[in-house]
N, C-alpha and C. Protein backbone atom coordinates (compact mmCIF):
# COMPACT_ATOMS: atom_id res chain seq x y z
N UNK A 1 90.23 131.22 123.17
CA UNK A 1 91.51 131.07 122.49
C UNK A 1 91.51 131.91 121.21
N UNK A 2 90.45 131.78 120.42
CA UNK A 2 90.39 132.50 119.14
C UNK A 2 90.54 134.00 119.36
N UNK A 3 89.80 134.54 120.35
CA UNK A 3 89.89 135.98 120.62
C UNK A 3 91.29 136.38 121.07
N UNK A 4 91.91 135.54 121.88
CA UNK A 4 93.23 135.88 122.43
C UNK A 4 94.30 135.97 121.35
N UNK A 5 94.16 135.21 120.28
CA UNK A 5 95.16 135.28 119.21
C UNK A 5 94.64 135.98 117.97
N UNK A 6 93.43 136.56 118.07
CA UNK A 6 92.89 137.37 116.98
C UNK A 6 92.38 136.59 115.79
N UNK A 7 91.78 135.44 116.03
CA UNK A 7 91.23 134.61 114.95
C UNK A 7 89.76 134.32 115.20
N UNK A 8 89.11 133.77 114.20
CA UNK A 8 87.72 133.36 114.39
C UNK A 8 87.70 131.93 114.92
N UNK A 9 86.63 131.59 115.61
CA UNK A 9 86.51 130.23 116.14
C UNK A 9 86.40 129.22 115.00
N UNK A 10 85.83 129.65 113.87
CA UNK A 10 85.73 128.75 112.72
C UNK A 10 87.13 128.37 112.20
N UNK A 11 88.04 129.35 112.17
CA UNK A 11 89.39 129.06 111.70
C UNK A 11 90.11 128.11 112.67
N UNK A 12 89.91 128.31 113.96
CA UNK A 12 90.49 127.40 114.96
C UNK A 12 89.96 125.99 114.73
N UNK A 13 88.65 125.86 114.47
CA UNK A 13 88.07 124.54 114.22
C UNK A 13 88.68 123.90 112.98
N UNK A 14 88.94 124.69 111.95
CA UNK A 14 89.55 124.16 110.73
C UNK A 14 90.98 123.70 111.00
N UNK A 15 91.70 124.44 111.84
CA UNK A 15 93.04 124.00 112.22
C UNK A 15 92.96 122.67 112.95
N UNK A 16 92.03 122.58 113.90
CA UNK A 16 91.89 121.36 114.70
C UNK A 16 91.51 120.16 113.84
N UNK A 17 90.67 120.37 112.85
CA UNK A 17 90.22 119.28 111.98
C UNK A 17 91.22 118.95 110.88
N UNK A 18 92.24 119.80 110.73
CA UNK A 18 93.22 119.57 109.69
C UNK A 18 92.76 120.02 108.32
N UNK A 19 91.71 120.82 108.27
CA UNK A 19 91.18 121.31 107.00
C UNK A 19 92.01 122.46 106.45
N UNK A 20 92.67 123.18 107.33
CA UNK A 20 93.48 124.33 106.94
C UNK A 20 94.86 124.18 107.53
N UNK A 21 95.87 124.45 106.71
CA UNK A 21 97.25 124.40 107.20
C UNK A 21 97.50 125.59 108.12
N UNK A 22 98.36 125.35 109.08
CA UNK A 22 98.68 126.41 110.03
C UNK A 22 100.14 126.81 109.84
N UNK A 23 100.39 128.10 109.82
CA UNK A 23 101.76 128.57 109.63
C UNK A 23 102.56 128.39 110.92
N UNK A 24 103.85 128.39 110.77
CA UNK A 24 104.74 128.23 111.93
C UNK A 24 104.56 129.38 112.92
N UNK A 25 104.42 130.58 112.41
CA UNK A 25 104.27 131.73 113.30
C UNK A 25 102.94 131.66 114.06
N UNK A 26 101.89 131.20 113.39
CA UNK A 26 100.59 131.05 114.05
C UNK A 26 100.67 129.96 115.11
N UNK A 27 101.33 128.88 114.79
CA UNK A 27 101.49 127.78 115.73
C UNK A 27 102.29 128.24 116.95
N UNK A 28 103.30 129.05 116.70
CA UNK A 28 104.10 129.60 117.80
C UNK A 28 103.23 130.47 118.71
N UNK A 29 102.37 131.29 118.10
CA UNK A 29 101.47 132.15 118.88
C UNK A 29 100.52 131.33 119.74
N UNK A 30 100.01 130.25 119.18
CA UNK A 30 99.11 129.38 119.94
C UNK A 30 99.87 128.71 121.09
N UNK A 31 101.09 128.28 120.83
CA UNK A 31 101.91 127.66 121.87
C UNK A 31 102.14 128.64 123.01
N UNK A 32 102.39 129.90 122.66
CA UNK A 32 102.61 130.93 123.69
C UNK A 32 101.35 131.10 124.54
N UNK A 33 100.18 131.11 123.91
CA UNK A 33 98.93 131.27 124.64
C UNK A 33 98.64 130.08 125.54
N UNK A 34 99.05 128.91 125.10
CA UNK A 34 98.83 127.71 125.90
C UNK A 34 99.95 127.46 126.91
N UNK A 35 101.01 128.26 126.83
CA UNK A 35 102.17 128.14 127.72
C UNK A 35 102.82 126.76 127.60
N UNK A 36 102.99 126.31 126.35
CA UNK A 36 103.67 125.04 126.08
C UNK A 36 104.75 125.31 125.03
N UNK A 37 105.80 124.49 125.00
CA UNK A 37 106.79 124.66 123.93
C UNK A 37 106.16 124.24 122.59
N UNK A 38 106.64 124.81 121.51
CA UNK A 38 106.07 124.50 120.20
C UNK A 38 106.22 123.03 119.86
N UNK A 39 107.23 122.37 120.41
CA UNK A 39 107.43 120.94 120.16
C UNK A 39 106.32 120.08 120.75
N UNK A 40 105.56 120.64 121.68
CA UNK A 40 104.45 119.93 122.31
C UNK A 40 103.47 119.42 121.26
N UNK A 41 103.29 120.18 120.18
CA UNK A 41 102.34 119.80 119.13
C UNK A 41 102.82 118.59 118.33
N UNK A 42 104.09 118.28 118.40
CA UNK A 42 104.66 117.22 117.57
C UNK A 42 105.04 115.96 118.35
N UNK A 43 104.91 115.98 119.67
CA UNK A 43 105.30 114.84 120.49
C UNK A 43 104.60 113.56 120.08
N UNK A 44 103.31 113.61 119.87
CA UNK A 44 102.54 112.43 119.50
C UNK A 44 102.97 111.90 118.13
N UNK A 45 103.24 112.80 117.21
CA UNK A 45 103.66 112.38 115.88
C UNK A 45 104.98 111.62 115.93
N UNK A 46 105.91 112.07 116.73
CA UNK A 46 107.22 111.43 116.83
C UNK A 46 107.10 110.02 117.39
N UNK A 47 106.24 109.83 118.40
CA UNK A 47 106.09 108.49 118.98
C UNK A 47 105.42 107.55 117.99
N UNK A 48 104.47 108.05 117.21
CA UNK A 48 103.83 107.21 116.18
C UNK A 48 104.84 106.81 115.12
N UNK A 49 105.70 107.76 114.74
CA UNK A 49 106.71 107.49 113.72
C UNK A 49 107.67 106.41 114.22
N UNK A 50 108.10 106.54 115.47
CA UNK A 50 109.02 105.55 116.05
C UNK A 50 108.38 104.17 116.08
N UNK A 51 107.12 104.09 116.48
CA UNK A 51 106.42 102.81 116.53
C UNK A 51 106.31 102.20 115.15
N UNK A 52 106.02 103.03 114.15
CA UNK A 52 105.89 102.55 112.78
C UNK A 52 107.21 101.99 112.26
N UNK A 53 108.31 102.68 112.54
CA UNK A 53 109.63 102.23 112.10
C UNK A 53 110.00 100.93 112.78
N UNK A 54 109.76 100.84 114.10
CA UNK A 54 110.08 99.63 114.84
C UNK A 54 109.26 98.44 114.34
N UNK A 55 107.99 98.66 114.05
CA UNK A 55 107.12 97.61 113.54
C UNK A 55 107.60 97.13 112.18
N UNK A 56 107.99 98.07 111.32
CA UNK A 56 108.48 97.71 109.98
C UNK A 56 109.77 96.91 110.09
N UNK A 57 110.67 97.31 110.98
CA UNK A 57 111.94 96.60 111.14
C UNK A 57 111.70 95.19 111.66
N UNK A 58 110.76 95.02 112.58
CA UNK A 58 110.45 93.70 113.11
C UNK A 58 109.89 92.80 112.02
N UNK A 59 108.99 93.34 111.21
CA UNK A 59 108.40 92.57 110.11
C UNK A 59 109.46 92.16 109.11
N UNK A 60 110.35 93.10 108.76
CA UNK A 60 111.42 92.78 107.81
C UNK A 60 112.34 91.69 108.36
N UNK A 61 112.65 91.76 109.65
CA UNK A 61 113.51 90.74 110.27
C UNK A 61 112.84 89.38 110.25
N UNK A 62 111.53 89.36 110.52
CA UNK A 62 110.80 88.09 110.49
C UNK A 62 110.78 87.52 109.08
N UNK A 63 110.52 88.39 108.10
CA UNK A 63 110.49 87.93 106.71
C UNK A 63 111.85 87.38 106.29
N UNK A 64 112.91 88.07 106.67
CA UNK A 64 114.26 87.62 106.32
C UNK A 64 114.56 86.28 107.00
N UNK A 65 114.18 86.17 108.25
CA UNK A 65 114.42 84.94 109.00
C UNK A 65 113.70 83.76 108.35
N UNK A 66 112.45 83.98 107.94
CA UNK A 66 111.70 82.92 107.26
C UNK A 66 112.34 82.57 105.93
N UNK A 67 112.82 83.57 105.22
CA UNK A 67 113.40 83.34 103.90
C UNK A 67 114.67 82.50 103.98
N UNK A 68 115.57 82.85 104.90
CA UNK A 68 116.86 82.15 104.95
C UNK A 68 116.75 80.75 105.56
N UNK A 69 115.64 80.44 106.21
CA UNK A 69 115.50 79.09 106.76
C UNK A 69 114.96 78.10 105.74
N UNK A 70 114.52 78.59 104.59
CA UNK A 70 114.03 77.69 103.54
C UNK A 70 115.21 77.04 102.82
N UNK A 71 115.09 75.75 102.56
CA UNK A 71 116.14 75.01 101.87
C UNK A 71 116.40 75.58 100.48
N UNK A 72 115.34 75.96 99.80
CA UNK A 72 115.47 76.52 98.45
C UNK A 72 116.30 77.81 98.45
N UNK A 73 116.10 78.65 99.45
CA UNK A 73 116.85 79.90 99.55
C UNK A 73 118.33 79.63 99.76
N UNK A 74 118.63 78.74 100.68
CA UNK A 74 120.03 78.40 100.95
C UNK A 74 120.70 77.83 99.70
N UNK A 75 119.99 76.96 99.00
CA UNK A 75 120.54 76.34 97.80
C UNK A 75 120.81 77.40 96.73
N UNK A 76 119.88 78.33 96.57
CA UNK A 76 120.05 79.40 95.58
C UNK A 76 121.25 80.29 95.92
N UNK A 77 121.41 80.61 97.20
CA UNK A 77 122.56 81.41 97.62
C UNK A 77 123.88 80.68 97.37
N UNK A 78 123.91 79.41 97.68
CA UNK A 78 125.13 78.63 97.46
C UNK A 78 125.48 78.58 95.98
N UNK A 79 124.47 78.38 95.14
CA UNK A 79 124.73 78.34 93.69
C UNK A 79 125.19 79.70 93.18
N UNK A 80 124.53 80.76 93.66
CA UNK A 80 124.87 82.11 93.21
C UNK A 80 126.32 82.44 93.57
N UNK A 81 126.70 82.22 94.81
CA UNK A 81 128.06 82.55 95.23
C UNK A 81 129.09 81.55 94.72
N UNK A 82 128.61 80.44 94.18
CA UNK A 82 129.50 79.49 93.54
C UNK A 82 129.96 79.96 92.16
N UNK A 83 129.27 80.96 91.62
CA UNK A 83 129.66 81.52 90.32
C UNK A 83 130.85 82.44 90.59
N UNK A 84 131.99 82.10 90.05
CA UNK A 84 133.21 82.87 90.36
C UNK A 84 133.31 84.15 89.54
N UNK A 85 132.71 84.19 88.37
CA UNK A 85 132.79 85.36 87.50
C UNK A 85 131.76 86.40 87.97
N UNK A 86 132.28 87.53 88.47
CA UNK A 86 131.42 88.58 89.00
C UNK A 86 130.46 89.12 87.94
N UNK A 87 130.94 89.21 86.70
CA UNK A 87 130.11 89.71 85.60
C UNK A 87 128.89 88.80 85.38
N UNK A 88 129.11 87.50 85.45
CA UNK A 88 128.01 86.55 85.29
C UNK A 88 127.01 86.66 86.45
N UNK A 89 127.53 86.89 87.65
CA UNK A 89 126.62 87.07 88.79
C UNK A 89 125.73 88.30 88.59
N UNK A 90 126.33 89.40 88.08
CA UNK A 90 125.53 90.60 87.80
C UNK A 90 124.46 90.32 86.75
N UNK A 91 124.84 89.58 85.71
CA UNK A 91 123.89 89.22 84.65
C UNK A 91 122.74 88.38 85.22
N UNK A 92 123.09 87.45 86.11
CA UNK A 92 122.07 86.62 86.73
C UNK A 92 121.08 87.49 87.53
N UNK A 93 121.60 88.50 88.22
CA UNK A 93 120.74 89.42 88.96
C UNK A 93 119.81 90.18 88.01
N UNK A 94 120.33 90.59 86.87
CA UNK A 94 119.50 91.29 85.88
C UNK A 94 118.38 90.38 85.38
N UNK A 95 118.72 89.12 85.11
CA UNK A 95 117.71 88.16 84.66
C UNK A 95 116.65 87.98 85.74
N UNK A 96 117.08 87.87 86.99
CA UNK A 96 116.14 87.71 88.09
C UNK A 96 115.21 88.92 88.19
N UNK A 97 115.77 90.11 88.02
CA UNK A 97 114.95 91.34 88.05
C UNK A 97 113.91 91.30 86.93
N UNK A 98 114.33 90.90 85.74
CA UNK A 98 113.40 90.82 84.61
C UNK A 98 112.30 89.79 84.87
N UNK A 99 112.67 88.65 85.42
CA UNK A 99 111.68 87.62 85.73
C UNK A 99 110.68 88.10 86.78
N UNK A 100 111.17 88.83 87.76
CA UNK A 100 110.28 89.36 88.80
C UNK A 100 109.30 90.36 88.19
N UNK A 101 109.79 91.24 87.32
CA UNK A 101 108.95 92.23 86.66
C UNK A 101 107.91 91.55 85.78
N UNK A 102 108.32 90.54 85.04
CA UNK A 102 107.40 89.80 84.17
C UNK A 102 106.35 89.07 85.00
N UNK A 103 106.76 88.51 86.12
CA UNK A 103 105.84 87.78 87.00
C UNK A 103 104.79 88.71 87.59
N UNK A 104 105.18 89.97 87.88
CA UNK A 104 104.26 90.93 88.49
C UNK A 104 103.17 91.36 87.51
N UNK A 105 103.45 91.28 86.24
CA UNK A 105 102.47 91.70 85.23
C UNK A 105 101.47 90.63 85.07
């Protein structure tokens, strides 16, 4: 392969190990030598990305489901939306943000 595209075998090994970045034109040349479309190199990455997104969405849905089933959460939402003054609701959110930041420290 290295001889066919005019490179050293060491450089090919570095590409394979991810030690050296490969240019688009070089990747295209390798795809031509392997007789595969250039997208072939990215197929595995796309499926991993999809799996990661789906897993994150499932976890978020589970967390949300657990949160809204708690009595304390429902009570807090009812109290919050019971505040008719929108400005006061915004202020309450600011206070909650500050409390969360203080708690994290």
